[in-house]
Amino acid sequence: MKIQHLLIATAVVATLSSPAFAQTATNTTTNTSIQRDANQQERIENGLKDGQLTTKEAGKLERGETAIEHQEAKDMKDGSVSTQERKQLNRMENRESSAIYNQKHDAQTGNPDSKSSERMQADVQRDANQQQRISNGVNNGSMTTKEAARSERGQMRNTRLEARAARNGRVGAREQARIQHSENVRSRNIFRRKHNANTNTTTN
């Protein structure tokens, strides 16, 4: 009986230390973080739509999203995410989540029908959609962790443009055109990475 237990324990250890298990853990970490990006961008968009967020507040929150995407791209570029990196990303996501809540529940209110807010709403909506596409790609194996890292670098460029455009509380038509051009480039890159020959060997 002791030998049987020893064999079972050995098999469990071998499974947990196998490359397939490590890849699954990396995929799960990657996907969880990117899915939170998508969710938080959606919360920002909803805050703009219902007037809980001003354009300027949304711009501040996009600066927080930029920092998260920068860290994700850095952590995922080697194709794996360490336990320490995972914890750091989780802390950053938690801080951003709290910031979104606080900005949506302060005394400031926005005008969702203003041209500036409508432009910001459209830009943030595309962020949410593209983060969801990246998350789905990692989840179904059509995108590797390294490809997700490159896509997150692209998303970082988008959110940085949005943060800069909204820092004075107004997003002009020319600024939005520049942002949308960047979004179009990133969208094509996401499509290409999801439909090339590279796949995750283990999906969630």
Protein backbone atom coordinates (compact mmCIF):
# COMPACT_ATOMS: atom_id res chain seq x y z
CA MET A 1 0.00 0.00 0.00
CA LYS A 2 2.86 2.37 0.88
CA ILE A 3 4.49 1.64 -2.48
CA GLN A 4 1.23 2.40 -4.28
CA HIS A 5 0.92 5.72 -2.47
CA LEU A 6 4.52 6.53 -3.31
CA LEU A 7 3.92 5.82 -6.99
CA ILE A 8 0.82 8.00 -7.02
CA ALA A 9 2.68 10.85 -5.33
CA THR A 10 5.53 10.54 -7.80
CA ALA A 11 3.09 10.65 -10.73
CA VAL A 12 1.43 13.77 -9.33
CA VAL A 13 4.78 15.52 -8.90
CA ALA A 14 5.79 14.58 -12.44
CA THR A 15 2.52 15.94 -13.79
CA LEU A 16 2.81 19.24 -11.94
CA SER A 17 6.37 19.73 -13.11
CA SER A 18 5.73 18.79 -16.72
CA PRO A 19 6.00 21.36 -19.53
CA ALA A 20 2.33 20.85 -20.37
CA PHE A 21 1.26 21.78 -16.84
CA ALA A 22 3.59 24.78 -16.85
CA GLN A 23 2.16 25.92 -20.19
CA THR A 24 -1.39 25.54 -18.87
CA ALA A 25 -0.52 27.64 -15.82
CA THR A 26 1.02 30.30 -18.05
CA ASN A 27 -1.99 30.32 -20.35
CA THR A 28 -4.33 30.67 -17.39
CA THR A 29 -2.35 33.54 -15.89
CA THR A 30 -2.07 35.30 -19.23
CA ASN A 31 -5.72 34.90 -20.04
CA THR A 32 -6.91 35.97 -16.58
CA SER A 33 -4.91 39.19 -16.73
CA ILE A 34 -5.98 40.08 -20.28
CA GLN A 35 -9.60 39.22 -19.52
CA ARG A 36 -9.46 41.64 -16.60
CA ASP A 37 -8.17 44.28 -19.01
CA ALA A 38 -11.21 43.71 -21.21
CA ASN A 39 -13.56 43.85 -18.24
CA GLN A 40 -12.03 47.03 -16.84
CA GLN A 41 -12.10 48.78 -20.21
CA GLU A 42 -15.78 47.89 -20.40
CA ARG A 43 -16.33 49.41 -16.95
CA ILE A 44 -14.65 52.63 -18.11
CA GLU A 45 -16.81 52.69 -21.24
CA ASN A 46 -19.97 52.15 -19.18
CA GLY A 47 -18.91 54.93 -16.80
CA LEU A 48 -18.63 57.31 -19.73
CA LYS A 49 -21.97 56.20 -21.15
CA ASP A 50 -23.92 56.71 -17.93
CA GLY A 51 -22.18 59.96 -16.97
CA GLN A 52 -20.34 58.56 -13.95
CA LEU A 53 -17.02 59.37 -15.62
CA THR A 54 -15.85 62.56 -17.24
CA THR A 55 -13.60 62.39 -20.29
CA LYS A 56 -10.70 63.59 -18.15
CA GLU A 57 -11.32 60.91 -15.52
CA ALA A 58 -11.42 58.26 -18.25
CA GLY A 59 -8.09 59.58 -19.51
CA LYS A 60 -6.55 59.12 -16.06
CA LEU A 61 -7.86 55.57 -15.92
CA GLU A 62 -6.40 54.87 -19.36
CA ARG A 63 -3.00 55.84 -17.97
CA GLY A 64 -3.47 53.05 -15.44
CA GLU A 65 -4.41 50.63 -18.22
CA THR A 66 -1.29 51.69 -20.13
CA ALA A 67 0.91 50.75 -17.18
CA ILE A 68 -0.75 47.33 -16.86
CA GLU A 69 -0.40 46.57 -20.57
CA HIS A 70 3.25 47.62 -20.47
CA GLN A 71 3.89 45.21 -17.59
CA GLU A 72 1.95 42.40 -19.28
CA ALA A 73 3.97 42.79 -22.48
CA LYS A 74 7.20 42.76 -20.48
CA ASP A 75 6.26 39.70 -18.40
CA MET A 76 4.87 37.63 -21.26
CA LYS A 77 7.53 38.32 -23.90
CA ASP A 78 9.55 35.20 -22.97
CA GLY A 79 6.45 33.01 -23.25
CA SER A 80 5.97 32.43 -19.53
CA VAL A 81 4.74 34.30 -16.45
CA SER A 82 6.41 33.66 -13.10
CA THR A 83 4.58 33.52 -9.79
CA GLN A 84 6.09 36.85 -8.78
CA GLU A 85 5.06 38.44 -12.07
CA ARG A 86 1.55 37.05 -11.70
CA LYS A 87 1.24 38.55 -8.22
CA GLN A 88 2.50 41.92 -9.43
CA LEU A 89 0.02 41.97 -12.31
CA ASN A 90 -2.79 41.05 -9.94
CA ARG A 91 -1.86 43.92 -7.61
CA MET A 92 -1.83 46.35 -10.52
CA GLU A 93 -5.20 45.11 -11.76
CA ASN A 94 -6.63 45.46 -8.24
CA ARG A 95 -5.40 49.04 -7.94
CA GLU A 96 -6.89 49.90 -11.32
CA SER A 97 -10.18 48.29 -10.34
CA SER A 98 -10.31 50.41 -7.18
CA ALA A 99 -9.43 53.54 -9.16
CA ILE A 100 -12.28 52.88 -11.60
CA TYR A 101 -14.71 52.43 -8.71
CA ASN A 102 -13.55 55.59 -6.95
CA GLN A 103 -13.71 57.74 -10.09
CA LYS A 104 -17.19 56.44 -10.92
CA HIS A 105 -18.49 57.16 -7.42
CA ASP A 106 -17.03 60.61 -6.76
CA ALA A 107 -18.87 63.92 -7.09
CA GLN A 108 -17.80 64.53 -10.69
CA THR A 109 -20.19 63.70 -13.50
CA GLY A 110 -19.73 63.70 -17.24
CA ASN A 111 -21.93 64.50 -20.19
CA PRO A 112 -22.25 61.26 -22.17
CA ASP A 113 -23.86 63.12 -25.08
CA SER A 114 -20.95 65.50 -25.63
CA LYS A 115 -18.83 64.94 -28.72
CA SER A 116 -15.73 64.51 -26.59
CA SER A 117 -17.33 61.80 -24.42
CA GLU A 118 -18.77 60.04 -27.46
CA ARG A 119 -15.34 59.91 -29.07
CA MET A 120 -13.78 58.57 -25.88
CA GLN A 121 -16.58 56.01 -25.55
CA ALA A 122 -15.89 54.73 -29.06
CA ASP A 123 -12.15 54.50 -28.43
CA VAL A 124 -12.49 52.68 -25.11
CA GLN A 125 -15.07 50.32 -26.61
CA ARG A 126 -12.55 49.25 -29.23
CA ASP A 127 -9.99 48.68 -26.47
CA ALA A 128 -12.43 46.40 -24.66
CA ASN A 129 -13.22 44.51 -27.87
CA GLN A 130 -9.59 44.02 -28.83
CA GLN A 131 -8.58 42.92 -25.35
CA GLN A 132 -11.39 40.38 -25.53
CA ARG A 133 -10.10 39.14 -28.89
CA ILE A 134 -6.62 38.66 -27.42
CA SER A 135 -8.06 36.88 -24.39
CA ASN A 136 -10.10 34.59 -26.63
CA GLY A 137 -7.04 33.86 -28.75
CA VAL A 138 -5.01 32.77 -25.73
CA ASN A 139 -7.95 30.80 -24.38
CA ASN A 140 -8.60 28.81 -27.57
CA GLY A 141 -4.92 28.35 -28.41
CA SER A 142 -4.87 30.42 -31.59
CA MET A 143 -2.48 32.91 -29.99
CA THR A 144 0.72 32.11 -28.08
CA THR A 145 1.79 33.94 -24.94
CA LYS A 146 4.56 35.68 -26.90
CA GLU A 147 2.02 36.80 -29.50
CA ALA A 148 -0.23 38.05 -26.72
CA ALA A 149 2.72 40.03 -25.37
CA ARG A 150 3.22 41.73 -28.72
CA SER A 151 -0.49 42.49 -28.93
CA GLU A 152 -0.42 43.98 -25.44
CA ARG A 153 2.41 46.29 -26.51
CA GLY A 154 0.12 47.44 -29.30
CA GLN A 155 -2.78 47.96 -26.90
CA MET A 156 -0.43 49.98 -24.69
CA ARG A 157 0.15 52.37 -27.59
CA ASN A 158 -3.60 52.78 -28.05
CA THR A 159 -4.35 53.52 -24.41
CA ARG A 160 -1.40 55.91 -24.17
CA LEU A 161 -2.80 57.91 -27.09
CA GLU A 162 -6.21 57.98 -25.42
CA ALA A 163 -4.78 59.10 -22.08
CA ARG A 164 -2.89 61.94 -23.76
CA ALA A 165 -5.88 63.02 -25.82
CA ALA A 166 -8.17 63.15 -22.77
CA ARG A 167 -5.81 64.76 -20.29
CA ASN A 168 -7.35 68.21 -20.82
CA GLY A 169 -10.88 66.80 -20.67
CA ARG A 170 -11.54 67.07 -24.39
CA VAL A 171 -10.94 64.63 -27.25
CA GLY A 172 -10.95 66.34 -30.63
CA ALA A 173 -11.87 64.83 -33.99
CA ARG A 174 -8.24 64.88 -35.15
CA GLU A 175 -7.08 63.15 -31.99
CA GLN A 176 -9.72 60.48 -32.40
CA ALA A 177 -8.73 59.92 -36.02
CA ARG A 178 -5.18 59.24 -34.89
CA ILE A 179 -6.39 56.86 -32.18
CA GLN A 180 -8.68 55.00 -34.56
CA HIS A 181 -5.84 54.61 -37.06
CA SER A 182 -3.74 53.04 -34.30
CA GLU A 183 -6.67 50.79 -33.34
CA ASN A 184 -6.99 49.64 -36.97
CA VAL A 185 -3.32 48.69 -37.11
CA ARG A 186 -3.57 46.75 -33.84
CA SER A 187 -6.76 45.02 -34.99
CA ARG A 188 -5.06 43.73 -38.14
CA ASN A 189 -2.09 42.51 -36.09
CA ILE A 190 -4.38 40.62 -33.71
CA PHE A 191 -6.12 38.97 -36.66
CA ARG A 192 -2.82 37.97 -38.23
CA ARG A 193 -1.45 36.49 -35.01
CA LYS A 194 -4.64 34.52 -34.38
CA HIS A 195 -4.65 33.06 -37.89
CA ASN A 196 -0.99 32.20 -38.46
CA ALA A 197 0.61 28.80 -37.92
CA ASN A 198 1.62 29.51 -34.31
CA THR A 199 -0.58 27.90 -31.68
CA ASN A 200 -0.45 27.19 -27.96
CA THR A 201 0.25 23.51 -27.44
CA THR A 202 -1.97 23.52 -24.35
CA THR A 203 -5.12 25.59 -24.07
CA ASN A 204 -7.22 26.38 -21.02
